[in-house]
Amino acid sequence: MEDRHIATAIQLLKRIPLYEIFPNVTMYTPIVDSMFKVGMAFELLNVMCSKNLITDKVNFEILIDGLEKSRRIDDALELIQLGY
């Protein structure tokens, strides 16, 4: 996903609640994956946490993979220990 598409996806996530559609983990997962590729995933993960959105298995694997590729091995290990 290109940077401009990521920005569009984030704007969509912000606007769809106006239509009483509330993003869930499934909606966030591909955006989180794309944001890891450009180094911006943690901002979105913080939003997910603030909304009490629990990661599913797919999202968890994307998080671990993104952390490894970002060379944040300690963070990946901490996430695994937390059991997300």
PDB file of N, CA and C in Angstrom:
ATOM      1  N   MET A   1       0.858  -1.173   0.000  1.00  0.00           N
ATOM      2  CA  MET A   1       0.000   0.000   0.000  1.00  0.00           C
ATOM      3  C   MET A   1       0.902   1.233   0.000  1.00  0.00           C
ATOM      4  N   GLU A   2       0.640   2.156  -0.900  1.00  0.00           N
ATOM      5  CA  GLU A   2       1.432   3.364  -0.985  1.00  0.00           C
ATOM      6  C   GLU A   2       1.061   4.324   0.147  1.00  0.00           C
ATOM      7  N   ASP A   3       1.973   5.266   0.424  1.00  0.00           N
ATOM      8  CA  ASP A   3       1.744   6.236   1.502  1.00  0.00           C
ATOM      9  C   ASP A   3       0.404   6.958   1.361  1.00  0.00           C
ATOM     10  N   ARG A   4       0.067   7.351   0.146  1.00  0.00           N
ATOM     11  CA  ARG A   4      -1.196   8.086  -0.039  1.00  0.00           C
ATOM     12  C   ARG A   4      -2.395   7.202   0.244  1.00  0.00           C
ATOM     13  N   HIS A   5      -2.268   5.909  -0.047  1.00  0.00           N
ATOM     14  CA  HIS A   5      -3.355   4.987   0.246  1.00  0.00           C
ATOM     15  C   HIS A   5      -3.481   4.760   1.754  1.00  0.00           C
ATOM     16  N   ILE A   6      -2.348   4.748   2.442  1.00  0.00           N
ATOM     17  CA  ILE A   6      -2.378   4.604   3.899  1.00  0.00           C
ATOM     18  C   ILE A   6      -3.089   5.807   4.508  1.00  0.00           C
ATOM     19  N   ALA A   7      -2.761   7.001   4.037  1.00  0.00           N
ATOM     20  CA  ALA A   7      -3.408   8.211   4.551  1.00  0.00           C
ATOM     21  C   ALA A   7      -4.918   8.165   4.299  1.00  0.00           C
ATOM     22  N   THR A   8      -5.306   7.690   3.134  1.00  0.00           N
ATOM     23  CA  THR A   8      -6.732   7.570   2.813  1.00  0.00           C
ATOM     24  C   THR A   8      -7.401   6.554   3.728  1.00  0.00           C
ATOM     25  N   ALA A   9      -6.749   5.434   3.974  1.00  0.00           N
ATOM     26  CA  ALA A   9      -7.311   4.405   4.853  1.00  0.00           C
ATOM     27  C   ALA A   9      -7.482   4.929   6.279  1.00  0.00           C
ATOM     28  N   ILE A  10      -6.513   5.683   6.754  1.00  0.00           N
ATOM     29  CA  ILE A  10      -6.601   6.250   8.104  1.00  0.00           C
ATOM     30  C   ILE A  10      -7.750   7.249   8.183  1.00  0.00           C
ATOM     31  N   GLN A  11      -7.887   8.068   7.172  1.00  0.00           N
ATOM     32  CA  GLN A  11      -9.000   9.026   7.146  1.00  0.00           C
ATOM     33  C   GLN A  11     -10.344   8.294   7.141  1.00  0.00           C
ATOM     34  N   LEU A  12     -10.414   7.200   6.406  1.00  0.00           N
ATOM     35  CA  LEU A  12     -11.639   6.406   6.375  1.00  0.00           C
ATOM     36  C   LEU A  12     -11.960   5.844   7.758  1.00  0.00           C
ATOM     37  N   LEU A  13     -10.934   5.330   8.442  1.00  0.00           N
ATOM     38  CA  LEU A  13     -11.144   4.812   9.800  1.00  0.00           C
ATOM     39  C   LEU A  13     -11.672   5.888  10.737  1.00  0.00           C
ATOM     40  N   LYS A  14     -11.235   7.109  10.529  1.00  0.00           N
ATOM     41  CA  LYS A  14     -11.679   8.210  11.381  1.00  0.00           C
ATOM     42  C   LYS A  14     -13.102   8.660  11.042  1.00  0.00           C
ATOM     43  N   ARG A  15     -13.488   8.533   9.775  1.00  0.00           N
ATOM     44  CA  ARG A  15     -14.771   9.065   9.345  1.00  0.00           C
ATOM     45  C   ARG A  15     -15.925   8.073   9.414  1.00  0.00           C
ATOM     46  N   ILE A  16     -15.662   6.787   9.293  1.00  0.00           N
ATOM     47  CA  ILE A  16     -16.785   5.849   9.233  1.00  0.00           C
ATOM     48  C   ILE A  16     -17.623   5.789  10.508  1.00  0.00           C
ATOM     49  N   PRO A  17     -17.073   6.109  11.699  1.00  0.00           N
ATOM     50  CA  PRO A  17     -17.966   6.143  12.868  1.00  0.00           C
ATOM     51  C   PRO A  17     -19.092   7.168  12.743  1.00  0.00           C
ATOM     52  N   LEU A  18     -18.903   8.166  11.901  1.00  0.00           N
ATOM     53  CA  LEU A  18     -19.964   9.145  11.669  1.00  0.00           C
ATOM     54  C   LEU A  18     -21.206   8.475  11.082  1.00  0.00           C
ATOM     55  N   TYR A  19     -21.011   7.340  10.438  1.00  0.00           N
ATOM     56  CA  TYR A  19     -22.105   6.582   9.833  1.00  0.00           C
ATOM     57  C   TYR A  19     -22.514   5.391  10.701  1.00  0.00           C
ATOM     58  N   GLU A  20     -22.083   5.443  11.961  1.00  0.00           N
ATOM     59  CA  GLU A  20     -22.364   4.397  12.942  1.00  0.00           C
ATOM     60  C   GLU A  20     -21.803   3.040  12.530  1.00  0.00           C
ATOM     61  N   ILE A  21     -20.671   3.084  11.866  1.00  0.00           N
ATOM     62  CA  ILE A  21     -19.885   1.888  11.549  1.00  0.00           C
ATOM     63  C   ILE A  21     -18.605   2.021  12.350  1.00  0.00           C
ATOM     64  N   PHE A  22     -18.325   1.045  13.186  1.00  0.00           N
ATOM     65  CA  PHE A  22     -17.179   1.156  14.072  1.00  0.00           C
ATOM     66  C   PHE A  22     -16.111   0.143  13.684  1.00  0.00           C
ATOM     67  N   PRO A  23     -14.898   0.632  13.391  1.00  0.00           N
ATOM     68  CA  PRO A  23     -13.814  -0.259  12.965  1.00  0.00           C
ATOM     69  C   PRO A  23     -13.528  -1.339  14.000  1.00  0.00           C
ATOM     70  N   ASN A  24     -13.231  -2.531  13.512  1.00  0.00           N
ATOM     71  CA  ASN A  24     -12.851  -3.628  14.385  1.00  0.00           C
ATOM     72  C   ASN A  24     -11.448  -4.089  14.003  1.00  0.00           C
ATOM     73  N   VAL A  25     -10.989  -5.138  14.661  1.00  0.00           N
ATOM     74  CA  VAL A  25      -9.631  -5.641  14.417  1.00  0.00           C
ATOM     75  C   VAL A  25      -9.448  -6.022  12.954  1.00  0.00           C
ATOM     76  N   THR A  26     -10.458  -6.633  12.356  1.00  0.00           N
ATOM     77  CA  THR A  26     -10.365  -7.053  10.954  1.00  0.00           C
ATOM     78  C   THR A  26     -10.142  -5.858  10.033  1.00  0.00           C
ATOM     79  N   MET A  27     -10.762  -4.754  10.334  1.00  0.00           N
ATOM     80  CA  MET A  27     -10.584  -3.562   9.510  1.00  0.00           C
ATOM     81  C   MET A  27      -9.203  -2.938   9.710  1.00  0.00           C
ATOM     82  N   TYR A  28      -8.688  -3.009  10.929  1.00  0.00           N
ATOM     83  CA  TYR A  28      -7.384  -2.413  11.224  1.00  0.00           C
ATOM     84  C   TYR A  28      -6.206  -3.240  10.702  1.00  0.00           C
ATOM     85  N   THR A  29      -6.354  -4.558  10.640  1.00  0.00           N
ATOM     86  CA  THR A  29      -5.229  -5.452  10.353  1.00  0.00           C
ATOM     87  C   THR A  29      -4.460  -5.101   9.076  1.00  0.00           C
ATOM     88  N   PRO A  30      -5.096  -4.974   7.907  1.00  0.00           N
ATOM     89  CA  PRO A  30      -4.297  -4.663   6.710  1.00  0.00           C
ATOM     90  C   PRO A  30      -3.637  -3.287   6.777  1.00  0.00           C
ATOM     91  N   ILE A  31      -4.267  -2.367   7.488  1.00  0.00           N
ATOM     92  CA  ILE A  31      -3.684  -1.027   7.603  1.00  0.00           C
ATOM     93  C   ILE A  31      -2.459  -1.067   8.517  1.00  0.00           C
ATOM     94  N   VAL A  32      -2.552  -1.808   9.609  1.00  0.00           N
ATOM     95  CA  VAL A  32      -1.395  -1.969  10.506  1.00  0.00           C
ATOM     96  C   VAL A  32      -0.240  -2.591   9.741  1.00  0.00           C
ATOM     97  N   ASP A  33      -0.531  -3.631   8.962  1.00  0.00           N
ATOM     98  CA  ASP A  33       0.507  -4.301   8.180  1.00  0.00           C
ATOM     99  C   ASP A  33       1.181  -3.314   7.234  1.00  0.00           C
ATOM    100  N   SER A  34       0.403  -2.519   6.544  1.00  0.00           N
ATOM    101  CA  SER A  34       0.969  -1.535   5.611  1.00  0.00           C
ATOM    102  C   SER A  34       1.763  -0.460   6.337  1.00  0.00           C
ATOM    103  N   MET A  35       1.279  -0.072   7.498  1.00  0.00           N
ATOM    104  CA  MET A  35       1.965   0.978   8.242  1.00  0.00           C
ATOM    105  C   MET A  35       3.304   0.509   8.796  1.00  0.00           C
ATOM    106  N   PHE A  36       3.435  -0.771   9.097  1.00  0.00           N
ATOM    107  CA  PHE A  36       4.740  -1.289   9.511  1.00  0.00           C
ATOM    108  C   PHE A  36       5.753  -1.101   8.394  1.00  0.00           C
ATOM    109  N   LYS A  37       5.313  -1.248   7.169  1.00  0.00           N
ATOM    110  CA  LYS A  37       6.213  -1.136   6.024  1.00  0.00           C
ATOM    111  C   LYS A  37       6.759   0.275   5.853  1.00  0.00           C
ATOM    112  N   VAL A  38       6.050   1.251   6.400  1.00  0.00           N
ATOM    113  CA  VAL A  38       6.527   2.637   6.322  1.00  0.00           C
ATOM    114  C   VAL A  38       6.891   3.190   7.698  1.00  0.00           C
ATOM    115  N   GLY A  39       6.914   2.314   8.704  1.00  0.00           N
ATOM    116  CA  GLY A  39       7.371   2.696  10.032  1.00  0.00           C
ATOM    117  C   GLY A  39       6.395   3.512  10.851  1.00  0.00           C
ATOM    118  N   MET A  40       5.086   3.348  10.619  1.00  0.00           N
ATOM    119  CA  MET A  40       4.108   4.156  11.325  1.00  0.00           C
ATOM    120  C   MET A  40       3.068   3.335  12.086  1.00  0.00           C
ATOM    121  N   ALA A  41       3.313   2.076  12.297  1.00  0.00           N
ATOM    122  CA  ALA A  41       2.289   1.184  12.847  1.00  0.00           C
ATOM    123  C   ALA A  41       1.939   1.449  14.299  1.00  0.00           C
ATOM    124  N   PHE A  42       2.884   1.869  15.101  1.00  0.00           N
ATOM    125  CA  PHE A  42       2.624   1.962  16.535  1.00  0.00           C
ATOM    126  C   PHE A  42       1.607   3.045  16.888  1.00  0.00           C
ATOM    127  N   GLU A  43       1.534   4.075  16.100  1.00  0.00           N
ATOM    128  CA  GLU A  43       0.521   5.106  16.324  1.00  0.00           C
ATOM    129  C   GLU A  43      -0.877   4.489  16.194  1.00  0.00           C
ATOM    130  N   LEU A  44      -1.072   3.686  15.165  1.00  0.00           N
ATOM    131  CA  LEU A  44      -2.365   3.052  14.960  1.00  0.00           C
ATOM    132  C   LEU A  44      -2.636   1.985  16.020  1.00  0.00           C
ATOM    133  N   LEU A  45      -1.601   1.284  16.435  1.00  0.00           N
ATOM    134  CA  LEU A  45      -1.775   0.278  17.490  1.00  0.00           C
ATOM    135  C   LEU A  45      -2.221   0.934  18.787  1.00  0.00           C
ATOM    136  N   ASN A  46      -1.694   2.114  19.072  1.00  0.00           N
ATOM    137  CA  ASN A  46      -2.125   2.850  20.265  1.00  0.00           C
ATOM    138  C   ASN A  46      -3.602   3.220  20.182  1.00  0.00           C
ATOM    139  N   VAL A  47      -4.051   3.584  18.988  1.00  0.00           N
ATOM    140  CA  VAL A  47      -5.472   3.886  18.787  1.00  0.00           C
ATOM    141  C   VAL A  47      -6.302   2.635  19.050  1.00  0.00           C
ATOM    142  N   MET A  48      -5.849   1.506  18.515  1.00  0.00           N
ATOM    143  CA  MET A  48      -6.573   0.247  18.722  1.00  0.00           C
ATOM    144  C   MET A  48      -6.667  -0.079  20.217  1.00  0.00           C
ATOM    145  N   CYS A  49      -5.573   0.088  20.922  1.00  0.00           N
ATOM    146  CA  CYS A  49      -5.568  -0.202  22.363  1.00  0.00           C
ATOM    147  C   CYS A  49      -6.509   0.737  23.105  1.00  0.00           C
ATOM    148  N   SER A  50      -6.538   1.991  22.709  1.00  0.00           N
ATOM    149  CA  SER A  50      -7.412   2.954  23.382  1.00  0.00           C
ATOM    150  C   SER A  50      -8.886   2.618  23.170  1.00  0.00           C
ATOM    151  N   LYS A  51      -9.176   1.869  22.117  1.00  0.00           N
ATOM    152  CA  LYS A  51     -10.549   1.454  21.829  1.00  0.00           C
ATOM    153  C   LYS A  51     -10.832   0.026  22.307  1.00  0.00           C
ATOM    154  N   ASN A  52      -9.892  -0.509  23.095  1.00  0.00           N
ATOM    155  CA  ASN A  52     -10.018  -1.867  23.632  1.00  0.00           C
ATOM    156  C   ASN A  52     -10.218  -2.922  22.548  1.00  0.00           C
ATOM    157  N   LEU A  53      -9.563  -2.731  21.421  1.00  0.00           N
ATOM    158  CA  LEU A  53      -9.617  -3.724  20.362  1.00  0.00           C
ATOM    159  C   LEU A  53      -8.506  -4.741  20.593  1.00  0.00           C
ATOM    160  N   ILE A  54      -8.906  -5.955  20.855  1.00  0.00           N
ATOM    161  CA  ILE A  54      -7.956  -7.032  21.126  1.00  0.00           C
ATOM    162  C   ILE A  54      -7.481  -7.605  19.796  1.00  0.00           C
ATOM    163  N   THR A  55      -6.196  -7.845  19.706  1.00  0.00           N
ATOM    164  CA  THR A  55      -5.667  -8.394  18.468  1.00  0.00           C
ATOM    165  C   THR A  55      -6.079  -9.850  18.305  1.00  0.00           C
ATOM    166  N   ASP A  56      -6.288 -10.242  17.076  1.00  0.00           N
ATOM    167  CA  ASP A  56      -6.564 -11.643  16.790  1.00  0.00           C
ATOM    168  C   ASP A  56      -5.262 -12.302  16.345  1.00  0.00           C
ATOM    169  N   LYS A  57      -5.330 -13.572  15.984  1.00  0.00           N
ATOM    170  CA  LYS A  57      -4.113 -14.313  15.627  1.00  0.00           C
ATOM    171  C   LYS A  57      -3.404 -13.683  14.431  1.00  0.00           C
ATOM    172  N   VAL A  58      -4.158 -13.298  13.417  1.00  0.00           N
ATOM    173  CA  VAL A  58      -3.553 -12.708  12.223  1.00  0.00           C
ATOM    174  C   VAL A  58      -2.878 -11.390  12.566  1.00  0.00           C
ATOM    175  N   ASN A  59      -3.569 -10.544  13.299  1.00  0.00           N
ATOM    176  CA  ASN A  59      -3.018  -9.257  13.689  1.00  0.00           C
ATOM    177  C   ASN A  59      -1.770  -9.451  14.549  1.00  0.00           C
ATOM    178  N   PHE A  60      -1.832 -10.405  15.467  1.00  0.00           N
ATOM    179  CA  PHE A  60      -0.696 -10.702  16.335  1.00  0.00           C
ATOM    180  C   PHE A  60       0.519 -11.102  15.508  1.00  0.00           C
ATOM    181  N   GLU A  61       0.317 -11.954  14.508  1.00  0.00           N
ATOM    182  CA  GLU A  61       1.433 -12.383  13.653  1.00  0.00           C
ATOM    183  C   GLU A  61       2.012 -11.206  12.877  1.00  0.00           C
ATOM    184  N   ILE A  62       1.154 -10.301  12.432  1.00  0.00           N
ATOM    185  CA  ILE A  62       1.627  -9.107  11.729  1.00  0.00           C
ATOM    186  C   ILE A  62       2.451  -8.231  12.668  1.00  0.00           C
ATOM    187  N   LEU A  63       1.992  -8.104  13.917  1.00  0.00           N
ATOM    188  CA  LEU A  63       2.735  -7.316  14.899  1.00  0.00           C
ATOM    189  C   LEU A  63       4.126  -7.894  15.135  1.00  0.00           C
ATOM    190  N   ILE A  64       4.183  -9.200  15.359  1.00  0.00           N
ATOM    191  CA  ILE A  64       5.472  -9.850  15.618  1.00  0.00           C
ATOM    192  C   ILE A  64       6.382  -9.704  14.401  1.00  0.00           C
ATOM    193  N   ASP A  65       5.841  -9.954  13.212  1.00  0.00           N
ATOM    194  CA  ASP A  65       6.627  -9.836  11.983  1.00  0.00           C
ATOM    195  C   ASP A  65       7.131  -8.401  11.796  1.00  0.00           C
ATOM    196  N   GLY A  66       6.253  -7.429  12.018  1.00  0.00           N
ATOM    197  CA  GLY A  66       6.647  -6.027  11.871  1.00  0.00           C
ATOM    198  C   GLY A  66       7.713  -5.618  12.863  1.00  0.00           C
ATOM    199  N   LEU A  67       7.577  -6.087  14.094  1.00  0.00           N
ATOM    200  CA  LEU A  67       8.586  -5.776  15.111  1.00  0.00           C
ATOM    201  C   LEU A  67       9.935  -6.394  14.747  1.00  0.00           C
ATOM    202  N   GLU A  68       9.910  -7.619  14.260  1.00  0.00           N
ATOM    203  CA  GLU A  68      11.164  -8.262  13.852  1.00  0.00           C
ATOM    204  C   GLU A  68      11.822  -7.501  12.712  1.00  0.00           C
ATOM    205  N   LYS A  69      11.027  -7.146  11.712  1.00  0.00           N
ATOM    206  CA  LYS A  69      11.578  -6.425  10.558  1.00  0.00           C
ATOM    207  C   LYS A  69      12.059  -5.033  10.934  1.00  0.00           C
ATOM    208  N   SER A  70      11.478  -4.464  11.992  1.00  0.00           N
ATOM    209  CA  SER A  70      11.907  -3.156  12.483  1.00  0.00           C
ATOM    210  C   SER A  70      13.083  -3.280  13.453  1.00  0.00           C
ATOM    211  N   ARG A  71      13.544  -4.511  13.621  1.00  0.00           N
ATOM    212  CA  ARG A  71      14.656  -4.820  14.535  1.00  0.00           C
ATOM    213  C   ARG A  71      14.329  -4.454  15.978  1.00  0.00           C
ATOM    214  N   ARG A  72      13.077  -4.641  16.327  1.00  0.00           N
ATOM    215  CA  ARG A  72      12.622  -4.375  17.697  1.00  0.00           C
ATOM    216  C   ARG A  72      12.326  -5.719  18.361  1.00  0.00           C
ATOM    217  N   ILE A  73      13.345  -6.538  18.423  1.00  0.00           N
ATOM    218  CA  ILE A  73      13.210  -7.898  18.934  1.00  0.00           C
ATOM    219  C   ILE A  73      12.741  -7.904  20.383  1.00  0.00           C
ATOM    220  N   ASP A  74      13.270  -7.006  21.204  1.00  0.00           N
ATOM    221  CA  ASP A  74      12.844  -6.951  22.612  1.00  0.00           C
ATOM    222  C   ASP A  74      11.352  -6.659  22.722  1.00  0.00           C
ATOM    223  N   ASP A  75      10.853  -5.759  21.879  1.00  0.00           N
ATOM    224  CA  ASP A  75       9.425  -5.454  21.888  1.00  0.00           C
ATOM    225  C   ASP A  75       8.610  -6.666  21.438  1.00  0.00           C
ATOM    226  N   ALA A  76       9.105  -7.386  20.433  1.00  0.00           N
ATOM    227  CA  ALA A  76       8.415  -8.589  19.960  1.00  0.00           C
ATOM    228  C   ALA A  76       8.358  -9.630  21.076  1.00  0.00           C
ATOM    229  N   LEU A  77       9.464  -9.831  21.763  1.00  0.00           N
ATOM    230  CA  LEU A  77       9.492 -10.803  22.853  1.00  0.00           C
ATOM    231  C   LEU A  77       8.552 -10.382  23.990  1.00  0.00           C
ATOM    232  N   GLU A  78       8.507  -9.091  24.284  1.00  0.00           N
ATOM    233  CA  GLU A  78       7.620  -8.606  25.332  1.00  0.00           C
ATOM    234  C   GLU A  78       6.152  -8.847  24.947  1.00  0.00           C
ATOM    235  N   LEU A  79       5.840  -8.615  23.701  1.00  0.00           N
ATOM    236  CA  LEU A  79       4.479  -8.844  23.219  1.00  0.00           C
ATOM    237  C   LEU A  79       4.102 -10.324  23.334  1.00  0.00           C
ATOM    238  N   ILE A  80       5.044 -11.183  22.991  1.00  0.00           N
ATOM    239  CA  ILE A  80       4.807 -12.628  23.102  1.00  0.00           C
ATOM    240  C   ILE A  80       4.594 -13.014  24.563  1.00  0.00           C
ATOM    241  N   GLN A  81       5.397 -12.455  25.459  1.00  0.00           N
ATOM    242  CA  GLN A  81       5.251 -12.766  26.884  1.00  0.00           C
ATOM    243  C   GLN A  81       3.928 -12.266  27.447  1.00  0.00           C
ATOM    244  N   LEU A  82       3.427 -11.146  26.924  1.00  0.00           N
ATOM    245  CA  LEU A  82       2.149 -10.626  27.381  1.00  0.00           C
ATOM    246  C   LEU A  82       0.977 -11.499  26.919  1.00  0.00           C
ATOM    247  N   GLY A  83       1.265 -12.314  25.908  1.00  0.00           N
ATOM    248  CA  GLY A  83       0.260 -13.250  25.438  1.00  0.00           C
ATOM    249  C   GLY A  83      -0.810 -12.653  24.564  1.00  0.00           C
ATOM    250  N   TYR A  84      -0.502 -11.537  23.928  1.00  0.00           N
ATOM    251  CA  TYR A  84      -1.480 -10.966  23.006  1.00  0.00           C
ATOM    252  C   TYR A  84      -1.672 -11.934  21.896  1.00  0.00           C
TER     253      TYR A  84
END
